[in-house]
């Protein structure tokens, strides 16, 4: 399990606990943890996408040089 998934689970737990006991601060903390986890997952996805594009570009350049 990735760190962001663990953070999301913790966030859901905090939000749910806060809602159950009427602790608005804990509920907000849980919501913030979930948002942070979502942003972290999106950043990881974008980093992976960029790495794939760099690899594709390097492959294309190598192919071009072989043809020259």
N, C-alpha and C. Protein backbone atom coordinates (compact mmCIF):
# COMPACT_ATOMS: atom_id res chain seq x y z
N UNK A 1 0.86 -1.18 0.00
CA UNK A 1 0.00 0.00 0.00
C UNK A 1 0.90 1.23 0.00
N UNK A 2 0.57 2.21 -0.85
CA UNK A 2 1.36 3.43 -0.92
C UNK A 2 1.09 4.31 0.30
N UNK A 3 2.03 5.21 0.55
CA UNK A 3 1.86 6.13 1.68
C UNK A 3 0.59 6.95 1.52
N UNK A 4 0.30 7.36 0.28
CA UNK A 4 -0.88 8.20 0.07
C UNK A 4 -2.16 7.42 0.37
N UNK A 5 -2.17 6.12 0.07
CA UNK A 5 -3.35 5.32 0.37
C UNK A 5 -3.52 5.18 1.89
N UNK A 6 -2.41 4.99 2.59
CA UNK A 6 -2.46 4.92 4.05
C UNK A 6 -2.95 6.23 4.64
N UNK A 7 -2.47 7.35 4.07
CA UNK A 7 -2.91 8.67 4.55
C UNK A 7 -4.40 8.87 4.30
N UNK A 8 -4.88 8.37 3.16
CA UNK A 8 -6.31 8.50 2.86
C UNK A 8 -7.13 7.72 3.89
N UNK A 9 -6.69 6.50 4.18
CA UNK A 9 -7.41 5.67 5.16
C UNK A 9 -7.41 6.34 6.52
N UNK A 10 -6.25 6.88 6.93
CA UNK A 10 -6.18 7.60 8.21
C UNK A 10 -7.12 8.81 8.19
N UNK A 11 -7.15 9.51 7.06
CA UNK A 11 -8.02 10.67 6.94
C UNK A 11 -9.48 10.31 7.08
N UNK A 12 -9.88 9.22 6.42
CA UNK A 12 -11.27 8.77 6.51
C UNK A 12 -11.59 8.40 7.96
N UNK A 13 -10.65 7.71 8.61
CA UNK A 13 -10.87 7.31 10.01
C UNK A 13 -11.02 8.52 10.91
N UNK A 14 -10.15 9.51 10.72
CA UNK A 14 -10.23 10.72 11.55
C UNK A 14 -11.53 11.48 11.30
N UNK A 15 -11.87 11.60 10.03
CA UNK A 15 -13.11 12.32 9.69
C UNK A 15 -14.31 11.61 10.31
N UNK A 16 -14.36 10.30 10.16
CA UNK A 16 -15.48 9.53 10.69
C UNK A 16 -15.53 9.61 12.21
N UNK A 17 -14.37 9.48 12.85
CA UNK A 17 -14.33 9.57 14.32
C UNK A 17 -14.76 10.96 14.77
N UNK A 18 -14.26 11.98 14.10
CA UNK A 18 -14.62 13.34 14.45
C UNK A 18 -16.11 13.59 14.32
N UNK A 19 -16.69 13.06 13.25
CA UNK A 19 -18.12 13.21 13.04
C UNK A 19 -18.90 12.46 14.12
N UNK A 20 -18.42 11.27 14.47
CA UNK A 20 -19.12 10.42 15.44
C UNK A 20 -19.13 11.03 16.84
N UNK A 21 -18.02 11.69 17.20
CA UNK A 21 -17.95 12.24 18.56
C UNK A 21 -18.21 13.74 18.59
N UNK A 22 -18.49 14.31 17.44
CA UNK A 22 -18.80 15.73 17.39
C UNK A 22 -17.58 16.63 17.50
N UNK A 23 -16.41 16.13 17.11
CA UNK A 23 -15.17 16.90 17.17
C UNK A 23 -14.89 17.46 15.78
N UNK A 24 -15.27 18.71 15.56
CA UNK A 24 -15.13 19.33 14.24
C UNK A 24 -13.67 19.47 13.82
N UNK A 25 -12.78 19.72 14.79
CA UNK A 25 -11.36 19.84 14.45
C UNK A 25 -10.82 18.52 13.91
N UNK A 26 -11.16 17.41 14.55
CA UNK A 26 -10.72 16.10 14.10
C UNK A 26 -11.32 15.77 12.74
N UNK A 27 -12.58 16.14 12.55
CA UNK A 27 -13.24 15.92 11.27
C UNK A 27 -12.53 16.69 10.15
N UNK A 28 -12.21 17.96 10.40
CA UNK A 28 -11.50 18.78 9.41
C UNK A 28 -10.09 18.24 9.15
N UNK A 29 -9.45 17.76 10.20
CA UNK A 29 -8.11 17.18 10.06
C UNK A 29 -8.16 15.96 9.13
N UNK A 30 -9.19 15.16 9.29
CA UNK A 30 -9.37 14.00 8.44
C UNK A 30 -9.63 14.39 6.99
N UNK A 31 -10.45 15.40 6.80
CA UNK A 31 -10.73 15.88 5.44
C UNK A 31 -9.46 16.41 4.79
N UNK A 32 -8.64 17.14 5.57
CA UNK A 32 -7.40 17.69 5.04
C UNK A 32 -6.42 16.57 4.68
N UNK A 33 -6.37 15.53 5.50
CA UNK A 33 -5.49 14.39 5.21
C UNK A 33 -5.92 13.70 3.91
N UNK A 34 -7.20 13.60 3.70
CA UNK A 34 -7.69 12.97 2.47
C UNK A 34 -7.35 13.82 1.25
N UNK A 35 -7.50 15.12 1.36
CA UNK A 35 -7.15 16.02 0.25
C UNK A 35 -5.66 15.93 -0.06
N UNK A 36 -4.84 15.90 0.99
CA UNK A 36 -3.40 15.80 0.83
C UNK A 36 -3.03 14.49 0.14
N UNK A 37 -3.66 13.41 0.54
CA UNK A 37 -3.39 12.10 -0.08
C UNK A 37 -3.78 12.11 -1.55
N UNK A 38 -4.90 12.76 -1.86
CA UNK A 38 -5.34 12.84 -3.26
C UNK A 38 -4.33 13.62 -4.09
N UNK A 39 -3.83 14.72 -3.56
CA UNK A 39 -2.84 15.52 -4.28
C UNK A 39 -1.54 14.75 -4.45
N UNK A 40 -1.17 13.98 -3.44
CA UNK A 40 0.04 13.18 -3.53
C UNK A 40 -0.10 12.11 -4.61
N UNK A 41 -1.25 11.46 -4.66
CA UNK A 41 -1.49 10.46 -5.71
C UNK A 41 -1.44 11.09 -7.10
N UNK A 42 -2.01 12.28 -7.24
CA UNK A 42 -1.99 12.98 -8.53
C UNK A 42 -0.55 13.34 -8.91
N UNK A 43 0.25 13.81 -7.95
CA UNK A 43 1.64 14.14 -8.22
C UNK A 43 2.41 12.89 -8.64
N UNK A 44 2.16 11.77 -7.97
CA UNK A 44 2.83 10.52 -8.35
C UNK A 44 2.44 10.10 -9.77
N UNK A 45 1.17 10.27 -10.11
CA UNK A 45 0.70 9.92 -11.45
C UNK A 45 1.38 10.80 -12.50
N UNK A 46 1.46 12.09 -12.22
CA UNK A 46 2.10 13.01 -13.16
C UNK A 46 3.60 12.74 -13.30
N UNK A 47 4.26 12.40 -12.19
CA UNK A 47 5.67 12.05 -12.25
C UNK A 47 5.88 10.81 -13.11
N UNK A 48 5.02 9.81 -12.95
CA UNK A 48 5.13 8.60 -13.75
C UNK A 48 4.89 8.90 -15.23
N UNK A 49 3.90 9.72 -15.50
CA UNK A 49 3.60 10.10 -16.88
C UNK A 49 4.79 10.83 -17.51
N UNK A 50 5.41 11.73 -16.76
CA UNK A 50 6.57 12.46 -17.27
C UNK A 50 7.74 11.52 -17.53
N UNK A 51 7.95 10.57 -16.63
CA UNK A 51 9.04 9.60 -16.81
C UNK A 51 8.82 8.76 -18.07
N UNK A 52 7.58 8.37 -18.31
CA UNK A 52 7.26 7.59 -19.51
C UNK A 52 7.50 8.42 -20.77
N UNK A 53 7.15 9.69 -20.73
CA UNK A 53 7.36 10.56 -21.90
C UNK A 53 8.84 10.78 -22.15
N UNK A 54 9.61 10.93 -21.06
CA UNK A 54 11.07 11.08 -21.23
C UNK A 54 11.67 9.82 -21.85
N UNK A 55 11.21 8.67 -21.39
CA UNK A 55 11.72 7.40 -21.95
C UNK A 55 11.34 7.27 -23.41
N UNK A 56 10.10 7.61 -23.74
CA UNK A 56 9.66 7.55 -25.14
C UNK A 56 10.48 8.49 -26.00
N UNK A 57 10.76 9.68 -25.49
CA UNK A 57 11.55 10.66 -26.23
C UNK A 57 12.97 10.15 -26.44
N UNK A 58 13.56 9.57 -25.41
CA UNK A 58 14.92 9.03 -25.53
C UNK A 58 14.94 7.89 -26.55
N UNK A 59 13.92 7.04 -26.53
CA UNK A 59 13.84 5.94 -27.50
C UNK A 59 13.73 6.49 -28.92
N UNK A 60 12.92 7.49 -29.11
CA UNK A 60 12.74 8.08 -30.44
C UNK A 60 14.04 8.71 -30.93
N UNK A 61 14.74 9.37 -30.02
CA UNK A 61 16.01 10.00 -30.39
C UNK A 61 17.03 8.94 -30.77
N UNK A 62 17.08 7.84 -30.02
CA UNK A 62 18.01 6.76 -30.32
C UNK A 62 17.68 6.13 -31.68
N UNK A 63 16.39 5.94 -31.95
CA UNK A 63 15.97 5.40 -33.24
C UNK A 63 16.39 6.33 -34.38
N UNK A 64 16.22 7.61 -34.17
CA UNK A 64 16.57 8.60 -35.18
C UNK A 64 18.07 8.58 -35.46
N UNK A 65 18.85 8.45 -34.40
CA UNK A 65 20.30 8.44 -34.56
C UNK A 65 20.76 7.16 -35.27
N UNK A 66 20.09 6.05 -35.02
CA UNK A 66 20.44 4.80 -35.70
C UNK A 66 20.15 4.89 -37.19
N UNK A 67 19.09 5.61 -37.53
CA UNK A 67 18.72 5.75 -38.95
C UNK A 67 19.64 6.70 -39.70
N UNK A 68 20.32 7.57 -38.96
CA UNK A 68 21.19 8.59 -39.61
C UNK A 68 22.51 8.02 -40.03
